[in-house]
PDB file of N, CA and C in Angstrom:
ATOM      1  N   UNK A   1     262.718 -10.945-277.712  1.00  0.00           N
ATOM      2  CA  UNK A   1     261.573 -10.826-278.593  1.00  0.00           C
ATOM      3  C   UNK A   1     260.772  -9.592-278.225  1.00  0.00           C
ATOM      4  N   UNK A   2     260.261  -8.949-279.251  1.00  0.00           N
ATOM      5  CA  UNK A   2     259.475  -7.739-279.050  1.00  0.00           C
ATOM      6  C   UNK A   2     258.030  -7.999-279.453  1.00  0.00           C
ATOM      7  N   UNK A   3     257.131  -7.245-278.859  1.00  0.00           N
ATOM      8  CA  UNK A   3     255.704  -7.407-279.140  1.00  0.00           C
ATOM      9  C   UNK A   3     255.209  -6.206-279.934  1.00  0.00           C
ATOM     10  N   UNK A   4     254.468  -6.472-281.009  1.00  0.00           N
ATOM     11  CA  UNK A   4     253.911  -5.410-281.851  1.00  0.00           C
ATOM     12  C   UNK A   4     252.954  -4.547-281.031  1.00  0.00           C
ATOM     13  N   UNK A   5     253.085  -3.235-281.187  1.00  0.00           N
ATOM     14  CA  UNK A   5     252.248  -2.311-280.418  1.00  0.00           C
ATOM     15  C   UNK A   5     250.817  -2.234-280.956  1.00  0.00           C
ATOM     16  N   UNK A   6     250.586  -2.645-282.198  1.00  0.00           N
ATOM     17  CA  UNK A   6     249.239  -2.586-282.774  1.00  0.00           C
ATOM     18  C   UNK A   6     248.450  -3.873-282.573  1.00  0.00           C
ATOM     19  N   UNK A   7     249.060  -5.024-282.948  1.00  0.00           N
ATOM     20  CA  UNK A   7     248.291  -6.278-282.911  1.00  0.00           C
ATOM     21  C   UNK A   7     248.767  -7.260-281.845  1.00  0.00           C
ATOM     22  N   UNK A   8     249.935  -7.027-281.232  1.00  0.00           N
ATOM     23  CA  UNK A   8     250.408  -7.878-280.153  1.00  0.00           C
ATOM     24  C   UNK A   8     251.194  -9.106-280.581  1.00  0.00           C
ATOM     25  N   UNK A   9     251.527  -9.227-281.865  1.00  0.00           N
ATOM     26  CA  UNK A   9     252.289 -10.370-282.363  1.00  0.00           C
ATOM     27  C   UNK A   9     253.735 -10.290-281.887  1.00  0.00           C
ATOM     28  N   UNK A  10     254.302 -11.427-281.497  1.00  0.00           N
ATOM     29  CA  UNK A  10     255.704 -11.489-281.082  1.00  0.00           C
ATOM     30  C   UNK A  10     256.599 -11.504-282.322  1.00  0.00           C
ATOM     31  N   UNK A  11     257.587 -10.613-282.367  1.00  0.00           N
ATOM     32  CA  UNK A  11     258.529 -10.534-283.481  1.00  0.00           C
ATOM     33  C   UNK A  11     259.915 -10.826-282.931  1.00  0.00           C
ATOM     34  N   UNK A  12     260.619 -11.787-283.537  1.00  0.00           N
ATOM     35  CA  UNK A  12     261.896 -12.244-282.996  1.00  0.00           C
ATOM     36  C   UNK A  12     263.093 -11.463-283.530  1.00  0.00           C
ATOM     37  N   UNK A  13     263.127 -11.171-284.824  1.00  0.00           N
ATOM     38  CA  UNK A  13     264.328 -10.607-285.441  1.00  0.00           C
ATOM     39  C   UNK A  13     264.096  -9.157-285.875  1.00  0.00           C
ATOM     40  N   UNK A  14     264.949  -8.233-285.422  1.00  0.00           N
ATOM     41  CA  UNK A  14     264.805  -6.836-285.839  1.00  0.00           C
ATOM     42  C   UNK A  14     265.327  -6.610-287.254  1.00  0.00           C
ATOM     43  N   UNK A  15     264.781  -5.601-287.933  1.00  0.00           N
ATOM     44  CA  UNK A  15     265.257  -5.204-289.255  1.00  0.00           C
ATOM     45  C   UNK A  15     266.611  -4.499-289.133  1.00  0.00           C
ATOM     46  N   UNK A  16     266.773  -3.708-288.052  1.00  0.00           N
ATOM     47  CA  UNK A  16     267.982  -2.912-287.852  1.00  0.00           C
ATOM     48  C   UNK A  16     268.186  -2.730-286.353  1.00  0.00           C
ATOM     49  N   UNK A  17     269.453  -2.647-285.913  1.00  0.00           N
ATOM     50  CA  UNK A  17     269.747  -2.366-284.505  1.00  0.00           C
ATOM     51  C   UNK A  17     270.806  -1.278-284.408  1.00  0.00           C
ATOM     52  N   UNK A  18     270.771  -0.525-283.317  1.00  0.00           N
ATOM     53  CA  UNK A  18     271.795   0.465-283.034  1.00  0.00           C
ATOM     54  C   UNK A  18     271.890   0.648-281.528  1.00  0.00           C
ATOM     55  N   UNK A  19     272.965   1.287-281.088  1.00  0.00           N
ATOM     56  CA  UNK A  19     273.227   1.466-279.664  1.00  0.00           C
ATOM     57  C   UNK A  19     273.083   2.930-279.274  1.00  0.00           C
ATOM     58  N   UNK A  20     272.404   3.169-278.161  1.00  0.00           N
ATOM     59  CA  UNK A  20     272.311   4.500-277.562  1.00  0.00           C
ATOM     60  C   UNK A  20     273.118   4.465-276.272  1.00  0.00           C
ATOM     61  N   UNK A  21     274.091   5.362-276.159  1.00  0.00           N
ATOM     62  CA  UNK A  21     274.948   5.370-274.980  1.00  0.00           C
ATOM     63  C   UNK A  21     275.101   6.800-274.453  1.00  0.00           C
ATOM     64  N   UNK A  22     274.224   7.230-273.551  1.00  0.00           N
ATOM     65  CA  UNK A  22     274.380   8.546-272.936  1.00  0.00           C
ATOM     66  C   UNK A  22     275.652   8.587-272.086  1.00  0.00           C
ATOM     67  N   UNK A  23     276.257   9.743-271.960  1.00  0.00           N
ATOM     68  CA  UNK A  23     277.498   9.869-271.186  1.00  0.00           C
ATOM     69  C   UNK A  23     277.270   9.463-269.737  1.00  0.00           C
ATOM     70  N   UNK A  24     278.125   8.571-269.258  1.00  0.00           N
ATOM     71  CA  UNK A  24     278.069   8.144-267.871  1.00  0.00           C
ATOM     72  C   UNK A  24     276.966   7.146-267.546  1.00  0.00           C
ATOM     73  N   UNK A  25     276.258   6.672-268.545  1.00  0.00           N
ATOM     74  CA  UNK A  25     275.175   5.716-268.300  1.00  0.00           C
ATOM     75  C   UNK A  25     275.394   4.453-269.117  1.00  0.00           C
ATOM     76  N   UNK A  26     274.642   3.429-268.780  1.00  0.00           N
ATOM     77  CA  UNK A  26     274.756   2.145-269.459  1.00  0.00           C
ATOM     78  C   UNK A  26     274.140   2.218-270.862  1.00  0.00           C
ATOM     79  N   UNK A  27     274.798   1.588-271.826  1.00  0.00           N
ATOM     80  CA  UNK A  27     274.315   1.589-273.208  1.00  0.00           C
ATOM     81  C   UNK A  27     273.081   0.702-273.354  1.00  0.00           C
ATOM     82  N   UNK A  28     272.187   1.118-274.241  1.00  0.00           N
ATOM     83  CA  UNK A  28     270.972   0.364-274.536  1.00  0.00           C
ATOM     84  C   UNK A  28     270.941   0.089-276.036  1.00  0.00           C
ATOM     85  N   UNK A  29     270.614  -1.132-276.413  1.00  0.00           N
ATOM     86  CA  UNK A  29     270.486  -1.485-277.823  1.00  0.00           C
ATOM     87  C   UNK A  29     269.026  -1.338-278.233  1.00  0.00           C
ATOM     88  N   UNK A  30     268.802  -0.586-279.311  1.00  0.00           N
ATOM     89  CA  UNK A  30     267.456  -0.343-279.817  1.00  0.00           C
ATOM     90  C   UNK A  30     267.311  -1.082-281.142  1.00  0.00           C
ATOM     91  N   UNK A  31     266.164  -1.705-281.348  1.00  0.00           N
ATOM     92  CA  UNK A  31     265.917  -2.426-282.589  1.00  0.00           C
ATOM     93  C   UNK A  31     264.679  -1.907-283.291  1.00  0.00           C
ATOM     94  N   UNK A  32     264.726  -1.877-284.630  1.00  0.00           N
ATOM     95  CA  UNK A  32     263.573  -1.509-285.444  1.00  0.00           C
ATOM     96  C   UNK A  32     262.965  -2.806-285.961  1.00  0.00           C
ATOM     97  N   UNK A  33     261.716  -3.043-285.627  1.00  0.00           N
ATOM     98  CA  UNK A  33     261.039  -4.287-285.975  1.00  0.00           C
ATOM     99  C   UNK A  33     259.914  -4.022-286.962  1.00  0.00           C
ATOM    100  N   UNK A  34     259.613  -5.024-287.798  1.00  0.00           N
ATOM    101  CA  UNK A  34     258.460  -4.961-288.696  1.00  0.00           C
ATOM    102  C   UNK A  34     257.574  -6.157-288.386  1.00  0.00           C
ATOM    103  N   UNK A  35     256.322  -5.886-288.102  1.00  0.00           N
ATOM    104  CA  UNK A  35     255.374  -6.938-287.752  1.00  0.00           C
ATOM    105  C   UNK A  35     254.981  -7.732-289.003  1.00  0.00           C
ATOM    106  N   UNK A  36     255.107  -9.070-288.970  1.00  0.00           N
ATOM    107  CA  UNK A  36     254.719  -9.874-290.129  1.00  0.00           C
ATOM    108  C   UNK A  36     253.199  -9.944-290.333  1.00  0.00           C
ATOM    109  N   UNK A  37     252.426  -9.699-289.285  1.00  0.00           N
ATOM    110  CA  UNK A  37     250.965  -9.789-289.391  1.00  0.00           C
ATOM    111  C   UNK A  37     250.335  -8.526-289.973  1.00  0.00           C
ATOM    112  N   UNK A  38     250.629  -7.371-289.355  1.00  0.00           N
ATOM    113  CA  UNK A  38     249.962  -6.131-289.775  1.00  0.00           C
ATOM    114  C   UNK A  38     250.869  -5.191-290.567  1.00  0.00           C
ATOM    115  N   UNK A  39     252.184  -5.453-290.611  1.00  0.00           N
ATOM    116  CA  UNK A  39     253.104  -4.632-291.394  1.00  0.00           C
ATOM    117  C   UNK A  39     253.561  -3.358-290.702  1.00  0.00           C
ATOM    118  N   UNK A  40     253.202  -3.168-289.444  1.00  0.00           N
ATOM    119  CA  UNK A  40     253.578  -1.959-288.711  1.00  0.00           C
ATOM    120  C   UNK A  40     255.052  -2.008-288.303  1.00  0.00           C
ATOM    121  N   UNK A  41     255.713  -0.853-288.340  1.00  0.00           N
ATOM    122  CA  UNK A  41     257.080  -0.731-287.853  1.00  0.00           C
ATOM    123  C   UNK A  41     257.033  -0.184-286.436  1.00  0.00           C
ATOM    124  N   UNK A  42     257.909  -0.695-285.562  1.00  0.00           N
ATOM    125  CA  UNK A  42     257.986  -0.193-284.195  1.00  0.00           C
ATOM    126  C   UNK A  42     259.385  -0.422-283.658  1.00  0.00           C
ATOM    127  N   UNK A  43     259.743   0.328-282.613  1.00  0.00           N
ATOM    128  CA  UNK A  43     261.052   0.204-281.969  1.00  0.00           C
ATOM    129  C   UNK A  43     260.882  -0.447-280.611  1.00  0.00           C
ATOM    130  N   UNK A  44     261.903  -1.220-280.237  1.00  0.00           N
ATOM    131  CA  UNK A  44     261.924  -1.830-278.910  1.00  0.00           C
ATOM    132  C   UNK A  44     263.371  -1.866-278.448  1.00  0.00           C
ATOM    133  N   UNK A  45     263.581  -1.753-277.134  1.00  0.00           N
ATOM    134  CA  UNK A  45     264.942  -1.739-276.604  1.00  0.00           C
ATOM    135  C   UNK A  45     265.240  -3.010-275.832  1.00  0.00           C
ATOM    136  N   UNK A  46     266.529  -3.306-275.741  1.00  0.00           N
ATOM    137  CA  UNK A  46     267.002  -4.414-274.914  1.00  0.00           C
ATOM    138  C   UNK A  46     268.267  -3.959-274.214  1.00  0.00           C
ATOM    139  N   UNK A  47     268.514  -4.487-273.019  1.00  0.00           N
ATOM    140  CA  UNK A  47     269.662  -4.039-272.232  1.00  0.00           C
ATOM    141  C   UNK A  47     270.930  -4.719-272.652  1.00  0.00           C
TER     142      UNK A  47
END
């Protein structure tokens, strides 16, 4: 779960996800979230 950077609401499901994998390093999954309370879009990562 990710927390909105503007209002602090917990958002469970991302709108979109993708993987960032630098050469020789561990891949990180990034998600684009939309806050249901304030409507702000923000990104959060998970390992």
